[in-house]
Amino acid sequence: MHRLLVLAGFITAISTASAQRGGRTVLQEWYPSKPADSTMTSWALRQGTTMTVPRVSRSPRGIRLLGPFGAADALRMTLKGLPRHSLVRIELGWHIIGPWQGTDANDRFMVMADGKNVVDATFSNTAAAQTWPDASNTRQLPPRTRTRNSNMLGYPCTYAIDYSGPMDATYETVGTISHTGSTLNLDITALLAYVKLDSCEKLWGIDHIVISVLMPTQRVNYPDAPSHVRWLMP
């Protein structure tokens, strides 16, 4: 049986002792409402030429998020001391805030895990098309395609002559990459044109991150077991 060692991350929080839950061994947990206390995970934020630590904030409607960040910001989450594994599963939730213009301006949100693409697509909160969630990153899709929530955060925007109100969208995805190292770097940034339109600034934020590592297995045969029975042990 495959066993998952799960590193659950919901921005900034507290580490807990390992526990068995439904066949999984939970190594670390982070929650938005608790102070960071983890020897395994660290965060770094590059703002232009300045390095700092990212902070959790509240949106206008009181929802916690990591950020918001702008076009000049690059976020890195580093996990160290990962156990033996062959795959990493990454679950990610993020916010697209303000008048992103999708394919019209190539407004792009990007996530990489040790140099491998997890998310690389254009997003739109306006009338422009976007490429997310097309895997080939070439299709022209309607704005806010496959959102989890729209205008939930409540960031206000007055855009053009026909819109005044909240403008944000929340997305999530799950991906798996090949990985065997004891350290994982998750790099998150955005490529944005015309950073501010009318009274609105194009921003982004992080809702949650959950990282799981899949342990390698080996076959173990027991002499008293029927010939068709094979045991998989970690």
C-alpha atoms as a PDB file:
ATOM      1  CA  MET A   1       0.000   0.000   0.000  1.00  0.00           C
ATOM      2  CA  HIS A   2       1.270   3.481  -0.807  1.00  0.00           C
ATOM      3  CA  ARG A   3       1.588   5.731   2.185  1.00  0.00           C
ATOM      4  CA  LEU A   4       1.484   9.484   2.079  1.00  0.00           C
ATOM      5  CA  LEU A   5       3.578  11.697   4.272  1.00  0.00           C
ATOM      6  CA  VAL A   6       1.601  14.892   4.177  1.00  0.00           C
ATOM      7  CA  LEU A   7       2.886  18.377   4.773  1.00  0.00           C
ATOM      8  CA  ALA A   8      -0.218  20.526   5.035  1.00  0.00           C
ATOM      9  CA  GLY A   9       0.249  24.279   4.655  1.00  0.00           C
ATOM     10  CA  PHE A  10      -2.468  26.862   5.162  1.00  0.00           C
ATOM     11  CA  ILE A  11      -0.306  29.948   5.342  1.00  0.00           C
ATOM     12  CA  THR A  12       1.633  30.790   8.563  1.00  0.00           C
ATOM     13  CA  ALA A  13       1.169  28.643  11.484  1.00  0.00           C
ATOM     14  CA  ILE A  14       2.180  26.064  13.992  1.00  0.00           C
ATOM     15  CA  SER A  15       3.894  22.716  13.723  1.00  0.00           C
ATOM     16  CA  THR A  16       2.312  19.670  15.339  1.00  0.00           C
ATOM     17  CA  ALA A  17       3.572  16.238  16.268  1.00  0.00           C
ATOM     18  CA  SER A  18       3.308  13.450  13.719  1.00  0.00           C
ATOM     19  CA  ALA A  19      -0.056  11.718  13.771  1.00  0.00           C
ATOM     20  CA  GLN A  20      -1.756   8.905  11.903  1.00  0.00           C
ATOM     21  CA  ARG A  21      -4.868  10.026  10.063  1.00  0.00           C
ATOM     22  CA  GLY A  22      -6.652   7.749   7.665  1.00  0.00           C
ATOM     23  CA  GLY A  23      -3.478   5.977   6.579  1.00  0.00           C
ATOM     24  CA  ARG A  24      -1.478   9.205   6.292  1.00  0.00           C
ATOM     25  CA  THR A  25       1.314  10.458   8.516  1.00  0.00           C
ATOM     26  CA  VAL A  26       0.838  14.194   9.006  1.00  0.00           C
ATOM     27  CA  LEU A  27       4.225  15.781   9.626  1.00  0.00           C
ATOM     28  CA  GLN A  28       3.451  19.494   9.703  1.00  0.00           C
ATOM     29  CA  GLU A  29       0.388  21.724   9.724  1.00  0.00           C
ATOM     30  CA  TRP A  30       0.040  25.459   9.221  1.00  0.00           C
ATOM     31  CA  TYR A  31      -3.044  27.588   9.875  1.00  0.00           C
ATOM     32  CA  PRO A  32      -3.636  31.261   9.030  1.00  0.00           C
ATOM     33  CA  SER A  33      -4.642  32.187  12.578  1.00  0.00           C
ATOM     34  CA  LYS A  34      -1.509  30.938  14.382  1.00  0.00           C
ATOM     35  CA  PRO A  35       2.079  32.259  14.421  1.00  0.00           C
ATOM     36  CA  ALA A  36       4.699  30.513  12.312  1.00  0.00           C
ATOM     37  CA  ASP A  37       6.681  27.859  14.201  1.00  0.00           C
ATOM     38  CA  SER A  38       8.251  25.342  11.855  1.00  0.00           C
ATOM     39  CA  THR A  39      11.777  24.030  11.514  1.00  0.00           C
ATOM     40  CA  MET A  40      10.887  22.440   8.167  1.00  0.00           C
ATOM     41  CA  THR A  41       9.412  25.393   6.280  1.00  0.00           C
ATOM     42  CA  SER A  42      10.657  28.928   5.619  1.00  0.00           C
ATOM     43  CA  TRP A  43       9.265  31.806   3.554  1.00  0.00           C
ATOM     44  CA  ALA A  44      11.104  34.557   1.679  1.00  0.00           C
ATOM     45  CA  LEU A  45       9.720  37.505  -0.286  1.00  0.00           C
ATOM     46  CA  ARG A  46      11.740  39.498  -2.802  1.00  0.00           C
ATOM     47  CA  GLN A  47      10.311  42.965  -3.420  1.00  0.00           C
ATOM     48  CA  GLY A  48      12.485  44.497  -6.111  1.00  0.00           C
ATOM     49  CA  THR A  49      15.977  44.289  -4.603  1.00  0.00           C
ATOM     50  CA  THR A  50      14.749  43.904  -1.010  1.00  0.00           C
ATOM     51  CA  MET A  51      14.401  40.560   0.769  1.00  0.00           C
ATOM     52  CA  THR A  52      11.837  40.259   3.550  1.00  0.00           C
ATOM     53  CA  VAL A  53       9.353  37.834   5.131  1.00  0.00           C
ATOM     54  CA  PRO A  54       5.796  37.723   3.709  1.00  0.00           C
ATOM     55  CA  ARG A  55       2.912  38.596   5.994  1.00  0.00           C
ATOM     56  CA  VAL A  56      -0.647  37.408   6.345  1.00  0.00           C
ATOM     57  CA  SER A  57      -3.219  40.179   5.925  1.00  0.00           C
ATOM     58  CA  ARG A  58      -6.991  40.512   5.901  1.00  0.00           C
ATOM     59  CA  SER A  59      -8.947  41.383   2.784  1.00  0.00           C
ATOM     60  CA  PRO A  60     -11.606  44.151   2.887  1.00  0.00           C
ATOM     61  CA  ARG A  61     -14.120  41.444   3.853  1.00  0.00           C
ATOM     62  CA  GLY A  62     -11.918  40.082   6.622  1.00  0.00           C
ATOM     63  CA  ILE A  63     -10.587  36.969   4.866  1.00  0.00           C
ATOM     64  CA  ARG A  64      -6.983  36.022   5.652  1.00  0.00           C
ATOM     65  CA  LEU A  65      -4.491  35.594   2.825  1.00  0.00           C
ATOM     66  CA  LEU A  66      -0.753  35.650   2.285  1.00  0.00           C
ATOM     67  CA  GLY A  67      -0.190  38.959   0.536  1.00  0.00           C
ATOM     68  CA  PRO A  68      -1.424  40.712  -1.448  1.00  0.00           C
ATOM     69  CA  PHE A  69       1.607  41.013  -3.724  1.00  0.00           C
ATOM     70  CA  GLY A  70       2.339  42.907  -6.920  1.00  0.00           C
ATOM     71  CA  ALA A  71       4.264  42.538 -10.163  1.00  0.00           C
ATOM     72  CA  ALA A  72       7.634  43.246  -8.523  1.00  0.00           C
ATOM     73  CA  ASP A  73       7.188  40.583  -5.840  1.00  0.00           C
ATOM     74  CA  ALA A  74       8.510  37.017  -5.889  1.00  0.00           C
ATOM     75  CA  LEU A  75       7.566  34.558  -3.144  1.00  0.00           C
ATOM     76  CA  ARG A  76       9.548  31.438  -2.201  1.00  0.00           C
ATOM     77  CA  MET A  77       8.528  28.659   0.171  1.00  0.00           C
ATOM     78  CA  THR A  78      11.349  26.259   1.118  1.00  0.00           C
ATOM     79  CA  LEU A  79      10.800  22.876   2.761  1.00  0.00           C
ATOM     80  CA  LYS A  80      13.803  21.045   4.189  1.00  0.00           C
ATOM     81  CA  GLY A  81      14.276  17.573   5.582  1.00  0.00           C
ATOM     82  CA  LEU A  82      11.751  15.826   3.342  1.00  0.00           C
ATOM     83  CA  PRO A  83      11.685  12.048   3.909  1.00  0.00           C
ATOM     84  CA  ARG A  84      12.528   9.524   1.206  1.00  0.00           C
ATOM     85  CA  HIS A  85      10.070   9.840  -1.681  1.00  0.00           C
ATOM     86  CA  SER A  86       9.667   9.728  -5.447  1.00  0.00           C
ATOM     87  CA  LEU A  87       6.761  12.130  -6.048  1.00  0.00           C
ATOM     88  CA  VAL A  88       5.566  15.441  -4.634  1.00  0.00           C
ATOM     89  CA  ARG A  89       1.874  16.362  -4.722  1.00  0.00           C
ATOM     90  CA  ILE A  90       1.152  20.098  -4.636  1.00  0.00           C
ATOM     91  CA  GLU A  91      -2.271  21.528  -3.858  1.00  0.00           C
ATOM     92  CA  LEU A  92      -2.417  25.280  -4.258  1.00  0.00           C
ATOM     93  CA  GLY A  93      -5.039  27.983  -3.866  1.00  0.00           C
ATOM     94  CA  TRP A  94      -4.428  31.572  -5.023  1.00  0.00           C
ATOM     95  CA  HIS A  95      -6.183  34.895  -5.559  1.00  0.00           C
ATOM     96  CA  ILE A  96      -6.190  37.041  -8.704  1.00  0.00           C
ATOM     97  CA  ILE A  97      -6.994  40.602  -7.574  1.00  0.00           C
ATOM     98  CA  GLY A  98      -7.862  43.648  -9.665  1.00  0.00           C
ATOM     99  CA  PRO A  99      -8.234  44.213 -13.427  1.00  0.00           C
ATOM    100  CA  TRP A 100      -6.069  41.400 -14.786  1.00  0.00           C
ATOM    101  CA  GLN A 101      -6.374  41.417 -18.591  1.00  0.00           C
ATOM    102  CA  GLY A 102      -5.555  37.826 -19.453  1.00  0.00           C
ATOM    103  CA  THR A 103      -4.246  37.193 -22.950  1.00  0.00           C
ATOM    104  CA  ASP A 104      -4.748  40.830 -24.035  1.00  0.00           C
ATOM    105  CA  ALA A 105      -1.887  41.957 -21.763  1.00  0.00           C
ATOM    106  CA  ASN A 106      -0.294  38.562 -21.061  1.00  0.00           C
ATOM    107  CA  ASP A 107      -1.132  38.949 -17.356  1.00  0.00           C
ATOM    108  CA  ARG A 108       0.347  35.710 -16.092  1.00  0.00           C
ATOM    109  CA  PHE A 109       0.503  33.861 -12.732  1.00  0.00           C
ATOM    110  CA  MET A 110       3.378  31.397 -12.359  1.00  0.00           C
ATOM    111  CA  VAL A 111       4.328  28.706  -9.841  1.00  0.00           C
ATOM    112  CA  MET A 112       7.410  26.489 -10.111  1.00  0.00           C
ATOM    113  CA  ALA A 113       8.556  23.607  -7.898  1.00  0.00           C
ATOM    114  CA  ASP A 114      12.331  23.135  -8.170  1.00  0.00           C
ATOM    115  CA  GLY A 115      12.196  24.567 -11.688  1.00  0.00           C
ATOM    116  CA  LYS A 116       9.180  22.516 -12.843  1.00  0.00           C
ATOM    117  CA  ASN A 117       5.994  24.332 -13.870  1.00  0.00           C
ATOM    118  CA  VAL A 118       2.990  23.847 -11.606  1.00  0.00           C
ATOM    119  CA  VAL A 119       1.001  26.854 -12.880  1.00  0.00           C
ATOM    120  CA  ASP A 120       1.865  29.075 -15.865  1.00  0.00           C
ATOM    121  CA  ALA A 121      -1.196  30.687 -17.411  1.00  0.00           C
ATOM    122  CA  THR A 122      -2.937  33.990 -18.072  1.00  0.00           C
ATOM    123  CA  PHE A 123      -5.896  35.112 -15.947  1.00  0.00           C
ATOM    124  CA  SER A 124      -8.603  37.695 -16.512  1.00  0.00           C
ATOM    125  CA  ASN A 125     -11.016  39.598 -14.271  1.00  0.00           C
ATOM    126  CA  THR A 126     -12.058  41.822 -17.190  1.00  0.00           C
ATOM    127  CA  ALA A 127     -13.669  41.105 -20.567  1.00  0.00           C
ATOM    128  CA  ALA A 128     -10.411  39.687 -21.973  1.00  0.00           C
ATOM    129  CA  ALA A 129      -9.894  35.957 -22.480  1.00  0.00           C
ATOM    130  CA  GLN A 130      -7.574  33.810 -20.363  1.00  0.00           C
ATOM    131  CA  THR A 131      -5.701  30.533 -20.945  1.00  0.00           C
ATOM    132  CA  TRP A 132      -6.301  28.924 -17.534  1.00  0.00           C
ATOM    133  CA  PRO A 133      -7.004  26.020 -17.094  1.00  0.00           C
ATOM    134  CA  ASP A 134      -5.923  24.870 -20.572  1.00  0.00           C
ATOM    135  CA  ALA A 135      -2.904  22.587 -20.156  1.00  0.00           C
ATOM    136  CA  SER A 136      -1.464  23.662 -23.520  1.00  0.00           C
ATOM    137  CA  ASN A 137      -1.759  27.333 -22.506  1.00  0.00           C
ATOM    138  CA  THR A 138      -3.040  28.225 -25.983  1.00  0.00           C
ATOM    139  CA  ARG A 139      -6.863  28.195 -25.849  1.00  0.00           C
ATOM    140  CA  GLN A 140      -8.789  31.442 -25.451  1.00  0.00           C
ATOM    141  CA  LEU A 141     -11.187  30.816 -22.553  1.00  0.00           C
ATOM    142  CA  PRO A 142     -13.766  33.096 -20.896  1.00  0.00           C
ATOM    143  CA  PRO A 143     -12.579  35.255 -17.993  1.00  0.00           C
ATOM    144  CA  ARG A 144     -12.716  33.595 -14.566  1.00  0.00           C
ATOM    145  CA  THR A 145     -13.001  30.109 -16.056  1.00  0.00           C
ATOM    146  CA  ARG A 146     -12.840  27.446 -13.334  1.00  0.00           C
ATOM    147  CA  THR A 147     -12.841  29.865 -10.396  1.00  0.00           C
ATOM    148  CA  ARG A 148     -13.550  28.562  -6.918  1.00  0.00           C
ATOM    149  CA  ASN A 149     -14.947  31.920  -5.764  1.00  0.00           C
ATOM    150  CA  SER A 150     -15.563  35.304  -7.376  1.00  0.00           C
ATOM    151  CA  ASN A 151     -15.372  38.646  -5.553  1.00  0.00           C
ATOM    152  CA  MET A 152     -15.114  36.849  -2.207  1.00  0.00           C
ATOM    153  CA  LEU A 153     -12.269  39.002  -0.850  1.00  0.00           C
ATOM    154  CA  GLY A 154     -13.986  42.305  -1.590  1.00  0.00           C
ATOM    155  CA  TYR A 155     -11.078  44.313  -3.040  1.00  0.00           C
ATOM    156  CA  PRO A 156     -12.798  47.384  -4.581  1.00  0.00           C
ATOM    157  CA  CYS A 157     -12.207  48.489  -8.151  1.00  0.00           C
ATOM    158  CA  THR A 158     -13.596  51.153 -10.456  1.00  0.00           C
ATOM    159  CA  TYR A 159     -12.648  50.081 -13.953  1.00  0.00           C
ATOM    160  CA  ALA A 160     -13.396  51.746 -17.290  1.00  0.00           C
ATOM    161  CA  ILE A 161     -16.828  53.380 -17.295  1.00  0.00           C
ATOM    162  CA  ASP A 162     -19.041  50.408 -16.633  1.00  0.00           C
ATOM    163  CA  TYR A 163     -17.794  48.698 -13.474  1.00  0.00           C
ATOM    164  CA  SER A 164     -17.461  49.683  -9.839  1.00  0.00           C
ATOM    165  CA  GLY A 165     -17.309  47.025  -7.138  1.00  0.00           C
ATOM    166  CA  PRO A 166     -15.213  44.114  -5.878  1.00  0.00           C
ATOM    167  CA  MET A 167     -12.828  42.519  -8.375  1.00  0.00           C
ATOM    168  CA  ASP A 168     -11.060  39.318  -7.354  1.00  0.00           C
ATOM    169  CA  ALA A 169     -11.154  35.621  -8.191  1.00  0.00           C
ATOM    170  CA  THR A 170      -9.907  32.555  -6.309  1.00  0.00           C
ATOM    171  CA  TYR A 171      -8.530  29.439  -8.006  1.00  0.00           C
ATOM    172  CA  GLU A 172      -7.094  26.117  -6.907  1.00  0.00           C
ATOM    173  CA  THR A 173      -5.285  23.202  -8.513  1.00  0.00           C
ATOM    174  CA  VAL A 174      -3.567  19.930  -7.630  1.00  0.00           C
ATOM    175  CA  GLY A 175      -0.467  18.646  -9.438  1.00  0.00           C
ATOM    176  CA  THR A 176       2.153  15.933  -8.997  1.00  0.00           C
ATOM    177  CA  ILE A 177       5.815  16.139 -10.016  1.00  0.00           C
ATOM    178  CA  SER A 178       8.729  13.705  -9.901  1.00  0.00           C
ATOM    179  CA  HIS A 179      10.978  14.616  -6.988  1.00  0.00           C
ATOM    180  CA  THR A 180      13.507  12.811  -4.794  1.00  0.00           C
ATOM    181  CA  GLY A 181      15.470  15.552  -3.016  1.00  0.00           C
ATOM    182  CA  SER A 182      15.356  16.372   0.676  1.00  0.00           C
ATOM    183  CA  THR A 183      14.640  20.058  -0.078  1.00  0.00           C
ATOM    184  CA  LEU A 184      11.816  21.589  -2.134  1.00  0.00           C
ATOM    185  CA  ASN A 185      11.628  25.209  -3.340  1.00  0.00           C
ATOM    186  CA  LEU A 186       8.243  26.536  -4.437  1.00  0.00           C
ATOM    187  CA  ASP A 187       8.578  29.824  -6.354  1.00  0.00           C
ATOM    188  CA  ILE A 188       5.512  32.007  -6.965  1.00  0.00           C
ATOM    189  CA  THR A 189       5.323  35.232  -8.964  1.00  0.00           C
ATOM    190  CA  ALA A 190       3.300  37.129 -11.579  1.00  0.00           C
ATOM    191  CA  LEU A 191       4.043  38.806 -14.903  1.00  0.00           C
ATOM    192  CA  LEU A 192       1.795  41.854 -15.204  1.00  0.00           C
ATOM    193  CA  ALA A 193       1.441  44.644 -17.776  1.00  0.00           C
ATOM    194  CA  TYR A 194      -0.082  48.046 -16.992  1.00  0.00           C
ATOM    195  CA  VAL A 195       0.121  47.348 -13.268  1.00  0.00           C
ATOM    196  CA  LYS A 196      -2.546  49.952 -12.408  1.00  0.00           C
ATOM    197  CA  LEU A 197      -5.662  50.698 -14.458  1.00  0.00           C
ATOM    198  CA  ASP A 198      -7.928  53.556 -13.419  1.00  0.00           C
ATOM    199  CA  SER A 199      -8.158  53.234  -9.622  1.00  0.00           C
ATOM    200  CA  CYS A 200      -7.340  49.514  -9.586  1.00  0.00           C
ATOM    201  CA  GLU A 201      -4.022  47.772  -9.027  1.00  0.00           C
ATOM    202  CA  LYS A 202      -3.300  44.257 -10.296  1.00  0.00           C
ATOM    203  CA  LEU A 203      -2.369  42.083  -7.311  1.00  0.00           C
ATOM    204  CA  TRP A 204      -2.196  38.427  -6.282  1.00  0.00           C
ATOM    205  CA  GLY A 205      -2.216  36.433  -3.052  1.00  0.00           C
ATOM    206  CA  ILE A 206      -2.025  32.906  -1.684  1.00  0.00           C
ATOM    207  CA  ASP A 207      -5.015  31.128  -0.127  1.00  0.00           C
ATOM    208  CA  HIS A 208      -3.463  27.787   0.833  1.00  0.00           C
ATOM    209  CA  ILE A 209      -0.677  25.326   0.046  1.00  0.00           C
ATOM    210  CA  VAL A 210      -0.672  21.597   0.799  1.00  0.00           C
ATOM    211  CA  ILE A 211       2.404  19.543  -0.053  1.00  0.00           C
ATOM    212  CA  SER A 212       2.499  15.746   0.178  1.00  0.00           C
ATOM    213  CA  VAL A 213       5.356  13.357  -0.536  1.00  0.00           C
ATOM    214  CA  LEU A 214       4.739   9.831  -1.791  1.00  0.00           C
ATOM    215  CA  MET A 215       7.036   7.235  -0.262  1.00  0.00           C
ATOM    216  CA  PRO A 216       8.764   4.630  -2.464  1.00  0.00           C
ATOM    217  CA  THR A 217       7.738   1.020  -1.850  1.00  0.00           C
ATOM    218  CA  GLN A 218       9.296  -2.389  -2.154  1.00  0.00           C
ATOM    219  CA  ARG A 219       7.807  -5.858  -2.607  1.00  0.00           C
ATOM    220  CA  VAL A 220       7.998  -8.296   0.300  1.00  0.00           C
ATOM    221  CA  ASN A 221       7.036 -11.960  -0.172  1.00  0.00           C
ATOM    222  CA  TYR A 222       5.905 -14.169   2.705  1.00  0.00           C
ATOM    223  CA  PRO A 223       6.429 -17.953   2.239  1.00  0.00           C
ATOM    224  CA  ASP A 224       3.114 -18.904   3.877  1.00  0.00           C
ATOM    225  CA  ALA A 225       1.036 -16.546   1.766  1.00  0.00           C
ATOM    226  CA  PRO A 226      -0.773 -17.731  -1.410  1.00  0.00           C
ATOM    227  CA  SER A 227       1.268 -17.306  -4.587  1.00  0.00           C
ATOM    228  CA  HIS A 228      -0.921 -14.457  -5.851  1.00  0.00           C
ATOM    229  CA  VAL A 229      -0.478 -12.390  -2.661  1.00  0.00           C
ATOM    230  CA  ARG A 230       2.336  -9.834  -2.561  1.00  0.00           C
ATOM    231  CA  TRP A 231       2.800  -7.294   0.175  1.00  0.00           C
ATOM    232  CA  LEU A 232       3.918  -3.746  -0.469  1.00  0.00           C
ATOM    233  CA  MET A 233       5.854  -2.266   2.414  1.00  0.00           C
ATOM    234  CA  PRO A 234       7.382   1.216   2.785  1.00  0.00           C
END
